[in-house]
Each structure stands twice: as C-alpha cells, then as structure tokens.
Amino acid sequence: MSTPLVEMRDIQISFGGIKAVDHVSVDLYPGEVVGLLGHNGAGKSTLIKCLSGAYKADAGEIYVNGEKATINNPRDARSYHIETIYQTLALADNLDAASNLFLGRELVNKFGLVDDDAMEAETRKIMGRLNPNFQKFSAPVSALSGGQRQSVAIARAVYFNAKILIMDEPTAALGPHETQMVAELIDQLKSEGIGIFLIDHDVHQVKALCDRAAVMKNGELVGVVKVDEVTEDDILAMIILGKKPEHLT
C-alpha cells in the first residue's frame, strides 16, 4: 500500500463535557473516496471539521503524506492542499464561473488591474479537464444547474492544487442527470490521484460513489468497510445498530 494522503489518529473533541468525537481513526489514500456516514449528531461533520481547520481537536494527531500536520485553522488546512466544498458551495450567485473561481485570489495584469480575460482562459482550461460539456462561462452562477454549480466549486478547489477534498453531500437535492454529472466529476478527480472524504446520508450514493465507508454513531467509529464487500442493508445496520456486519467482524 502507498502512504495514506491523510491519517486521522485517535481524534477526540468534546463540547461542554459531551464527547462529539471519541477516539476515532480514519485514513484516506490517493485516488480513493471514503464516505462518512451516520445520523445527525453522530460526529462525522465534527471529525471532518478538525481536518478542514474549522475545529481544533482536543487530542489525537493528523498526518498528511506520512508527516505530522499542524492544523489550527482553514489557512493551515489549505497549506496541506486540503480544500472543503460545503453543501452551500459558497458561490457568489451574481458572478460568473471565472469570477467565482478566483474570488479573493484574482489574477491581475501588469497595471495591477483584474485580468478578466486571463481568468476566463484559466477557467476554460480547468473546466475542459473536469467537465468538457460546461459552456456557460459568461452566465452568473445563479443561472446554472445544480451539477454545473458543483462543477464550479470543484474546479475552484482543484485549480488551487487540492490533493484532499472534503465534499459535504455533493448530490443533495440534485436530479438523476445532475447526480450523474457529479459522479463523473468524482471519477475524474480519482483518476488524478485526489483523495475525497464524502459526507453523506444517502447509503445508495455512498455505494455508488465510494470505495470505503466509515460509519459513526454517538461520536464513535462503528467501523470502516469496503463498499463492494457489503450491502446497503449492512451499512444501514451499522448506522442504526452500531455494529459491523457479521461476516466482517
């Protein structure tokens, strides 16, 4: 096995005496998608916020490419090429794809002015790699479909050299065609060696999109399974009962 992109070892975090994450360890390899599942309050979002820099763990260690990482805030996470795509996508609806891609990191010309042509050219280049069917470069993102908006958010992360992506319910509220578009984007990212933590409630989507599934319940890790070795009912049982399938225990 290659070195994991990320190892989260024995992570613990409490809020007001309640253990939100209790001695949890998970890892992620290049070109792999690991689904994080569990009921609301299971601790999956809290765990992943330790990786994204939104929370600081009380105990435990994070390793990136085999080396111990210090992540105290989102800027630290970005320095390790960790990017988060939240469910809201954090896009400016009134701006086009290029302006969203470079929001806060605009390209400028030799006169110090924003270089719209250069930003559009770079956006066309990254979109050509990720989603060749994307053509609405001049439209505000409010006019884009859910799958196209997801494309813009992913392109922004990948353009700035993300190696580890955290995706929060990327297919929520999308129709079958849009969901397929996101699945194709994820396949493309995997082929480029990018590792993805995918937070989701939909067991069917996790079976379709992920290589492994890590299930949490009441802040603890129930287990990590390869999705092709279990059924959807097996994963549901892990979520509801907090037990790994008989044939894997």
C-alpha atoms as a PDB file:
ATOM      1  CA  MET A   1       0.000   0.000   0.000  1.00  0.00           C
ATOM      2  CA  SER A   2       1.138   3.547  -0.688  1.00  0.00           C
ATOM      3  CA  THR A   3       1.388   6.118   2.085  1.00  0.00           C
ATOM      4  CA  PRO A   4      -2.044   7.499   3.014  1.00  0.00           C
ATOM      5  CA  LEU A   5      -2.799  11.041   1.894  1.00  0.00           C
ATOM      6  CA  VAL A   6      -4.369  11.577   5.311  1.00  0.00           C
ATOM      7  CA  GLU A   7      -4.345   9.701   8.588  1.00  0.00           C
ATOM      8  CA  MET A   8      -6.507  10.939  11.450  1.00  0.00           C
ATOM      9  CA  ARG A   9      -5.364   9.063  14.537  1.00  0.00           C
ATOM     10  CA  ASP A  10      -7.315   8.804  17.793  1.00  0.00           C
ATOM     11  CA  ILE A  11      -9.122  12.123  17.291  1.00  0.00           C
ATOM     12  CA  GLN A  12     -11.087  13.406  20.285  1.00  0.00           C
ATOM     13  CA  ILE A  13     -13.176  16.538  20.651  1.00  0.00           C
ATOM     14  CA  SER A  14     -15.720  17.481  23.318  1.00  0.00           C
ATOM     15  CA  PHE A  15     -18.214  20.300  23.715  1.00  0.00           C
ATOM     16  CA  GLY A  16     -19.315  21.087  27.240  1.00  0.00           C
ATOM     17  CA  GLY A  17     -18.334  17.673  28.526  1.00  0.00           C
ATOM     18  CA  ILE A  18     -20.077  15.792  25.719  1.00  0.00           C
ATOM     19  CA  LYS A  19     -17.757  13.723  23.536  1.00  0.00           C
ATOM     20  CA  ALA A  20     -18.619  14.679  19.962  1.00  0.00           C
ATOM     21  CA  VAL A  21     -15.741  12.583  18.571  1.00  0.00           C
ATOM     22  CA  ASP A  22     -14.361   9.810  20.777  1.00  0.00           C
ATOM     23  CA  HIS A  23     -11.040   8.144  19.821  1.00  0.00           C
ATOM     24  CA  VAL A  24     -11.734   7.998  16.057  1.00  0.00           C
ATOM     25  CA  SER A  25      -9.110   6.954  13.483  1.00  0.00           C
ATOM     26  CA  VAL A  26      -9.648   7.036   9.708  1.00  0.00           C
ATOM     27  CA  ASP A  27      -7.370   7.264   6.688  1.00  0.00           C
ATOM     28  CA  LEU A  28      -7.592   8.176   3.012  1.00  0.00           C
ATOM     29  CA  TYR A  29      -5.421   7.050   0.095  1.00  0.00           C
ATOM     30  CA  PRO A  30      -4.663   8.772  -3.237  1.00  0.00           C
ATOM     31  CA  GLY A  31      -7.438   8.298  -5.790  1.00  0.00           C
ATOM     32  CA  GLU A  32      -9.855   6.993  -3.164  1.00  0.00           C
ATOM     33  CA  VAL A  33     -13.289   8.132  -1.986  1.00  0.00           C
ATOM     34  CA  VAL A  34     -14.136   7.409   1.641  1.00  0.00           C
ATOM     35  CA  GLY A  35     -17.754   8.002   2.633  1.00  0.00           C
ATOM     36  CA  LEU A  36     -18.514   9.255   6.133  1.00  0.00           C
ATOM     37  CA  LEU A  37     -21.948   8.203   7.333  1.00  0.00           C
ATOM     38  CA  GLY A  38     -24.043   8.411  10.457  1.00  0.00           C
ATOM     39  CA  HIS A  39     -27.158  10.007  11.900  1.00  0.00           C
ATOM     40  CA  ASN A  40     -27.228  13.739  12.636  1.00  0.00           C
ATOM     41  CA  GLY A  41     -25.054  14.183  15.704  1.00  0.00           C
ATOM     42  CA  ALA A  42     -23.008  11.044  15.009  1.00  0.00           C
ATOM     43  CA  GLY A  43     -19.844  13.150  14.879  1.00  0.00           C
ATOM     44  CA  LYS A  44     -18.900  12.847  11.202  1.00  0.00           C
ATOM     45  CA  SER A  45     -19.070  16.578  10.456  1.00  0.00           C
ATOM     46  CA  THR A  46     -17.205  17.426  13.676  1.00  0.00           C
ATOM     47  CA  LEU A  47     -14.462  14.925  12.793  1.00  0.00           C
ATOM     48  CA  ILE A  48     -14.008  16.350   9.321  1.00  0.00           C
ATOM     49  CA  LYS A  49     -14.005  19.937  10.625  1.00  0.00           C
ATOM     50  CA  CYS A  50     -10.849  19.015  12.546  1.00  0.00           C
ATOM     51  CA  LEU A  51      -9.262  18.201   9.180  1.00  0.00           C
ATOM     52  CA  SER A  52     -10.576  21.356   7.469  1.00  0.00           C
ATOM     53  CA  GLY A  53      -9.340  23.584  10.299  1.00  0.00           C
ATOM     54  CA  ALA A  54     -12.782  24.727  11.441  1.00  0.00           C
ATOM     55  CA  TYR A  55     -12.311  22.964  14.817  1.00  0.00           C
ATOM     56  CA  LYS A  56      -9.209  22.059  16.800  1.00  0.00           C
ATOM     57  CA  ALA A  57      -9.170  18.542  18.232  1.00  0.00           C
ATOM     58  CA  ASP A  58      -8.675  18.133  21.998  1.00  0.00           C
ATOM     59  CA  ALA A  59      -6.435  15.124  21.378  1.00  0.00           C
ATOM     60  CA  GLY A  60      -5.165  12.958  18.542  1.00  0.00           C
ATOM     61  CA  GLU A  61      -2.915  13.527  15.556  1.00  0.00           C
ATOM     62  CA  ILE A  62      -3.301  14.199  11.851  1.00  0.00           C
ATOM     63  CA  TYR A  63      -0.720  13.019   9.318  1.00  0.00           C
ATOM     64  CA  VAL A  64      -0.594  14.232   5.714  1.00  0.00           C
ATOM     65  CA  ASN A  65       1.556  12.170   3.335  1.00  0.00           C
ATOM     66  CA  GLY A  66       3.059  10.378   6.328  1.00  0.00           C
ATOM     67  CA  GLU A  67       4.173  13.547   8.121  1.00  0.00           C
ATOM     68  CA  LYS A  68       2.549  15.025  11.198  1.00  0.00           C
ATOM     69  CA  ALA A  69       0.414  18.046  10.308  1.00  0.00           C
ATOM     70  CA  THR A  70      -0.488  21.050  12.452  1.00  0.00           C
ATOM     71  CA  ILE A  71      -3.949  22.302  11.504  1.00  0.00           C
ATOM     72  CA  ASN A  72      -5.310  25.095  13.685  1.00  0.00           C
ATOM     73  CA  ASN A  73      -7.397  26.958  11.102  1.00  0.00           C
ATOM     74  CA  PRO A  74      -8.592  26.724   7.462  1.00  0.00           C
ATOM     75  CA  ARG A  75      -5.458  28.512   6.236  1.00  0.00           C
ATOM     76  CA  ASP A  76      -3.324  25.745   7.750  1.00  0.00           C
ATOM     77  CA  ALA A  77      -5.516  23.142   6.035  1.00  0.00           C
ATOM     78  CA  ARG A  78      -5.050  24.853   2.662  1.00  0.00           C
ATOM     79  CA  SER A  79      -1.278  24.804   3.142  1.00  0.00           C
ATOM     80  CA  TYR A  80      -1.569  20.990   3.187  1.00  0.00           C
ATOM     81  CA  HIS A  81      -3.679  21.116  -0.027  1.00  0.00           C
ATOM     82  CA  ILE A  82      -6.907  20.316   1.850  1.00  0.00           C
ATOM     83  CA  GLU A  83      -9.999  22.020   0.398  1.00  0.00           C
ATOM     84  CA  THR A  84     -13.609  21.806   1.564  1.00  0.00           C
ATOM     85  CA  ILE A  85     -16.676  22.021  -0.658  1.00  0.00           C
ATOM     86  CA  TYR A  86     -19.612  22.732   1.635  1.00  0.00           C
ATOM     87  CA  GLN A  87     -23.197  21.845   0.768  1.00  0.00           C
ATOM     88  CA  THR A  88     -23.931  25.544   0.179  1.00  0.00           C
ATOM     89  CA  LEU A  89     -20.938  25.600  -2.276  1.00  0.00           C
ATOM     90  CA  ALA A  90     -20.085  29.153  -1.075  1.00  0.00           C
ATOM     91  CA  LEU A  91     -20.546  30.674  -4.536  1.00  0.00           C
ATOM     92  CA  ALA A  92     -21.373  34.326  -5.302  1.00  0.00           C
ATOM     93  CA  ASP A  93     -24.615  33.992  -7.285  1.00  0.00           C
ATOM     94  CA  ASN A  94     -24.252  37.288  -9.172  1.00  0.00           C
ATOM     95  CA  LEU A  95     -20.771  36.463 -10.532  1.00  0.00           C
ATOM     96  CA  ASP A  96     -19.784  34.206 -13.423  1.00  0.00           C
ATOM     97  CA  ALA A  97     -17.739  30.996 -13.191  1.00  0.00           C
ATOM     98  CA  ALA A  98     -14.332  32.681 -13.633  1.00  0.00           C
ATOM     99  CA  SER A  99     -15.052  35.374 -11.031  1.00  0.00           C
ATOM    100  CA  ASN A 100     -16.119  32.673  -8.565  1.00  0.00           C
ATOM    101  CA  LEU A 101     -13.094  30.533  -9.327  1.00  0.00           C
ATOM    102  CA  PHE A 102     -10.708  33.381  -8.488  1.00  0.00           C
ATOM    103  CA  LEU A 103     -12.819  35.110  -5.811  1.00  0.00           C
ATOM    104  CA  GLY A 104     -10.360  36.684  -3.366  1.00  0.00           C
ATOM    105  CA  ARG A 105      -7.421  35.390  -5.456  1.00  0.00           C
ATOM    106  CA  GLU A 106      -7.975  37.401  -8.659  1.00  0.00           C
ATOM    107  CA  LEU A 107      -5.402  37.435 -11.446  1.00  0.00           C
ATOM    108  CA  VAL A 108      -4.093  40.926 -12.282  1.00  0.00           C
ATOM    109  CA  ASN A 109      -2.277  42.367 -15.282  1.00  0.00           C
ATOM    110  CA  LYS A 110       0.962  44.372 -15.228  1.00  0.00           C
ATOM    111  CA  PHE A 111      -1.022  47.510 -14.343  1.00  0.00           C
ATOM    112  CA  GLY A 112      -2.473  45.862 -11.224  1.00  0.00           C
ATOM    113  CA  LEU A 113      -5.967  45.612 -12.725  1.00  0.00           C
ATOM    114  CA  VAL A 114      -8.117  42.479 -12.583  1.00  0.00           C
ATOM    115  CA  ASP A 115      -7.401  40.447 -15.730  1.00  0.00           C
ATOM    116  CA  ASP A 116     -10.816  39.059 -16.714  1.00  0.00           C
ATOM    117  CA  ASP A 117      -9.527  37.518 -19.950  1.00  0.00           C
ATOM    118  CA  ALA A 118      -6.762  35.589 -18.175  1.00  0.00           C
ATOM    119  CA  MET A 119      -9.204  34.341 -15.522  1.00  0.00           C
ATOM    120  CA  GLU A 120     -11.679  33.155 -18.160  1.00  0.00           C
ATOM    121  CA  ALA A 121      -8.883  31.412 -20.100  1.00  0.00           C
ATOM    122  CA  GLU A 122      -7.767  29.584 -16.958  1.00  0.00           C
ATOM    123  CA  THR A 123     -11.367  28.697 -16.110  1.00  0.00           C
ATOM    124  CA  ARG A 124     -11.919  27.259 -19.603  1.00  0.00           C
ATOM    125  CA  LYS A 125      -8.733  25.214 -19.174  1.00  0.00           C
ATOM    126  CA  ILE A 126      -9.701  23.668 -15.815  1.00  0.00           C
ATOM    127  CA  MET A 127     -13.308  23.108 -16.927  1.00  0.00           C
ATOM    128  CA  GLY A 128     -12.059  21.433 -20.095  1.00  0.00           C
ATOM    129  CA  ARG A 129     -10.273  18.973 -17.852  1.00  0.00           C
ATOM    130  CA  LEU A 130     -13.082  18.401 -15.345  1.00  0.00           C
ATOM    131  CA  ASN A 131     -16.323  18.953 -17.250  1.00  0.00           C
ATOM    132  CA  PRO A 132     -15.838  19.422 -21.028  1.00  0.00           C
ATOM    133  CA  ASN A 133     -19.594  19.940 -21.508  1.00  0.00           C
ATOM    134  CA  PHE A 134     -19.573  23.139 -19.421  1.00  0.00           C
ATOM    135  CA  GLN A 135     -20.185  26.129 -21.725  1.00  0.00           C
ATOM    136  CA  LYS A 136     -21.905  28.820 -19.625  1.00  0.00           C
ATOM    137  CA  PHE A 137     -18.801  30.878 -18.902  1.00  0.00           C
ATOM    138  CA  SER A 138     -20.457  34.303 -19.088  1.00  0.00           C
ATOM    139  CA  ALA A 139     -23.627  33.460 -17.140  1.00  0.00           C
ATOM    140  CA  PRO A 140     -23.948  34.279 -13.431  1.00  0.00           C
ATOM    141  CA  VAL A 141     -23.778  31.069 -11.391  1.00  0.00           C
ATOM    142  CA  SER A 142     -27.365  31.691 -10.229  1.00  0.00           C
ATOM    143  CA  ALA A 143     -28.397  30.699 -13.788  1.00  0.00           C
ATOM    144  CA  LEU A 144     -26.512  27.375 -13.631  1.00  0.00           C
ATOM    145  CA  SER A 145     -27.941  23.981 -12.768  1.00  0.00           C
ATOM    146  CA  GLY A 146     -27.014  22.248  -9.508  1.00  0.00           C
ATOM    147  CA  GLY A 147     -24.486  19.988 -11.223  1.00  0.00           C
ATOM    148  CA  GLN A 148     -22.881  22.917 -13.048  1.00  0.00           C
ATOM    149  CA  ARG A 149     -22.603  24.870  -9.807  1.00  0.00           C
ATOM    150  CA  GLN A 150     -20.956  21.854  -8.209  1.00  0.00           C
ATOM    151  CA  SER A 151     -18.518  21.822 -11.173  1.00  0.00           C
ATOM    152  CA  VAL A 152     -17.529  25.432 -10.460  1.00  0.00           C
ATOM    153  CA  ALA A 153     -16.963  24.724  -6.747  1.00  0.00           C
ATOM    154  CA  ILE A 154     -14.859  21.633  -7.531  1.00  0.00           C
ATOM    155  CA  ALA A 155     -12.880  23.481 -10.217  1.00  0.00           C
ATOM    156  CA  ARG A 156     -12.045  26.238  -7.713  1.00  0.00           C
ATOM    157  CA  ALA A 157     -10.643  23.698  -5.250  1.00  0.00           C
ATOM    158  CA  VAL A 158      -8.710  21.732  -7.855  1.00  0.00           C
ATOM    159  CA  TYR A 159      -7.279  24.810  -9.603  1.00  0.00           C
ATOM    160  CA  PHE A 160      -5.599  25.807  -6.349  1.00  0.00           C
ATOM    161  CA  ASN A 161      -3.891  22.416  -6.139  1.00  0.00           C
ATOM    162  CA  ALA A 162      -6.166  20.487  -3.769  1.00  0.00           C
ATOM    163  CA  LYS A 163      -4.930  16.959  -3.107  1.00  0.00           C
ATOM    164  CA  ILE A 164      -7.500  16.185  -0.414  1.00  0.00           C
ATOM    165  CA  LEU A 165     -11.126  17.181  -0.962  1.00  0.00           C
ATOM    166  CA  ILE A 166     -13.875  17.218   1.633  1.00  0.00           C
ATOM    167  CA  MET A 167     -17.318  17.120  -0.009  1.00  0.00           C
ATOM    168  CA  ASP A 168     -20.476  17.653   2.035  1.00  0.00           C
ATOM    169  CA  GLU A 169     -23.473  15.855   0.466  1.00  0.00           C
ATOM    170  CA  PRO A 170     -22.484  16.766  -3.111  1.00  0.00           C
ATOM    171  CA  THR A 171     -25.609  15.215  -4.683  1.00  0.00           C
ATOM    172  CA  ALA A 172     -28.193  16.537  -2.197  1.00  0.00           C
ATOM    173  CA  ALA A 173     -31.244  17.996  -3.977  1.00  0.00           C
ATOM    174  CA  LEU A 174     -29.910  17.043  -7.425  1.00  0.00           C
ATOM    175  CA  GLY A 175     -31.870  15.096 -10.057  1.00  0.00           C
ATOM    176  CA  PRO A 176     -30.592  11.864 -11.672  1.00  0.00           C
ATOM    177  CA  HIS A 177     -28.837  13.645 -14.576  1.00  0.00           C
ATOM    178  CA  GLU A 178     -27.128  16.159 -12.279  1.00  0.00           C
ATOM    179  CA  THR A 179     -26.138  13.391  -9.873  1.00  0.00           C
ATOM    180  CA  GLN A 180     -24.526  11.512 -12.753  1.00  0.00           C
ATOM    181  CA  MET A 181     -22.581  14.673 -13.681  1.00  0.00           C
ATOM    182  CA  VAL A 182     -21.192  14.883 -10.144  1.00  0.00           C
ATOM    183  CA  ALA A 183     -20.328  11.154 -10.220  1.00  0.00           C
ATOM    184  CA  GLU A 184     -18.331  11.717 -13.415  1.00  0.00           C
ATOM    185  CA  LEU A 185     -16.524  14.672 -11.799  1.00  0.00           C
ATOM    186  CA  ILE A 186     -15.611  12.490  -8.816  1.00  0.00           C
ATOM    187  CA  ASP A 187     -14.299   9.758 -11.150  1.00  0.00           C
ATOM    188  CA  GLN A 188     -12.132  12.359 -12.905  1.00  0.00           C
ATOM    189  CA  LEU A 189     -10.720  13.585  -9.582  1.00  0.00           C
ATOM    190  CA  LYS A 190      -9.952   9.997  -8.536  1.00  0.00           C
ATOM    191  CA  SER A 191      -8.102   9.389 -11.801  1.00  0.00           C
ATOM    192  CA  GLU A 192      -5.868  12.368 -10.960  1.00  0.00           C
ATOM    193  CA  GLY A 193      -4.937  10.861  -7.594  1.00  0.00           C
ATOM    194  CA  ILE A 194      -7.044  13.240  -5.499  1.00  0.00           C
ATOM    195  CA  GLY A 195      -8.464  11.720  -2.306  1.00  0.00           C
ATOM    196  CA  ILE A 196     -12.019  12.578  -1.262  1.00  0.00           C
ATOM    197  CA  PHE A 197     -13.830  12.419   2.070  1.00  0.00           C
ATOM    198  CA  LEU A 198     -17.527  12.410   1.170  1.00  0.00           C
ATOM    199  CA  ILE A 199     -20.036  13.190   3.931  1.00  0.00           C
ATOM    200  CA  ASP A 200     -23.459  11.790   3.083  1.00  0.00           C
ATOM    201  CA  HIS A 201     -26.727  10.415   4.473  1.00  0.00           C
ATOM    202  CA  ASP A 202     -27.672   8.522   1.326  1.00  0.00           C
ATOM    203  CA  VAL A 203     -26.449   4.918   1.563  1.00  0.00           C
ATOM    204  CA  HIS A 204     -27.252   4.359  -2.127  1.00  0.00           C
ATOM    205  CA  GLN A 205     -24.995   7.266  -3.136  1.00  0.00           C
ATOM    206  CA  VAL A 206     -22.201   6.033  -0.884  1.00  0.00           C
ATOM    207  CA  LYS A 207     -22.405   2.582  -2.506  1.00  0.00           C
ATOM    208  CA  ALA A 208     -22.285   4.217  -5.943  1.00  0.00           C
ATOM    209  CA  LEU A 209     -19.550   6.802  -5.346  1.00  0.00           C
ATOM    210  CA  CYS A 210     -17.266   5.494  -2.593  1.00  0.00           C
ATOM    211  CA  ASP A 211     -14.538   2.877  -2.267  1.00  0.00           C
ATOM    212  CA  ARG A 212     -14.850   2.588   1.504  1.00  0.00           C
ATOM    213  CA  ALA A 213     -17.446   3.706   4.046  1.00  0.00           C
ATOM    214  CA  ALA A 214     -16.642   4.862   7.587  1.00  0.00           C
ATOM    215  CA  VAL A 215     -19.708   4.769   9.850  1.00  0.00           C
ATOM    216  CA  MET A 216     -20.001   6.764  13.065  1.00  0.00           C
ATOM    217  CA  LYS A 217     -22.532   6.558  15.878  1.00  0.00           C
ATOM    218  CA  ASN A 218     -22.636   8.655  19.066  1.00  0.00           C
ATOM    219  CA  GLY A 219     -19.184  10.070  18.389  1.00  0.00           C
ATOM    220  CA  GLU A 220     -17.529   6.685  17.979  1.00  0.00           C
ATOM    221  CA  LEU A 221     -16.348   4.838  14.879  1.00  0.00           C
ATOM    222  CA  VAL A 222     -18.518   1.775  14.272  1.00  0.00           C
ATOM    223  CA  GLY A 223     -16.166   0.565  11.556  1.00  0.00           C
ATOM    224  CA  VAL A 224     -14.729   1.076   8.080  1.00  0.00           C
ATOM    225  CA  VAL A 225     -15.838  -1.287   5.285  1.00  0.00           C
ATOM    226  CA  LYS A 226     -15.133  -1.710   1.588  1.00  0.00           C
ATOM    227  CA  VAL A 227     -18.413  -0.876  -0.127  1.00  0.00           C
ATOM    228  CA  ASP A 228     -18.160  -3.771  -2.572  1.00  0.00           C
ATOM    229  CA  GLU A 229     -17.998  -6.249   0.341  1.00  0.00           C
ATOM    230  CA  VAL A 230     -21.254  -5.104   1.985  1.00  0.00           C
ATOM    231  CA  THR A 231     -24.877  -4.457   1.050  1.00  0.00           C
ATOM    232  CA  GLU A 232     -26.835  -1.269   1.601  1.00  0.00           C
ATOM    233  CA  ASP A 233     -28.653  -3.081   4.412  1.00  0.00           C
ATOM    234  CA  ASP A 234     -25.298  -3.902   6.043  1.00  0.00           C
ATOM    235  CA  ILE A 235     -24.363  -0.215   6.052  1.00  0.00           C
ATOM    236  CA  LEU A 236     -27.798   0.781   7.365  1.00  0.00           C
ATOM    237  CA  ALA A 237     -27.401  -1.717  10.191  1.00  0.00           C
ATOM    238  CA  MET A 238     -24.069  -0.126  11.082  1.00  0.00           C
ATOM    239  CA  ILE A 239     -25.702   3.307  11.182  1.00  0.00           C
ATOM    240  CA  ILE A 240     -28.768   2.210  13.176  1.00  0.00           C
ATOM    241  CA  LEU A 241     -27.454  -0.595  15.403  1.00  0.00           C
ATOM    242  CA  GLY A 242     -23.831   0.474  15.644  1.00  0.00           C
ATOM    243  CA  LYS A 243     -22.472  -2.967  14.687  1.00  0.00           C
ATOM    244  CA  LYS A 244     -20.335  -4.187  11.793  1.00  0.00           C
ATOM    245  CA  PRO A 245     -21.813  -6.935   9.571  1.00  0.00           C
ATOM    246  CA  GLU A 246     -21.329 -10.473  10.947  1.00  0.00           C
ATOM    247  CA  HIS A 247     -19.119 -11.611   8.059  1.00  0.00           C
ATOM    248  CA  LEU A 248     -16.671  -8.747   8.676  1.00  0.00           C
ATOM    249  CA  THR A 249     -16.380  -8.921  12.460  1.00  0.00           C
END
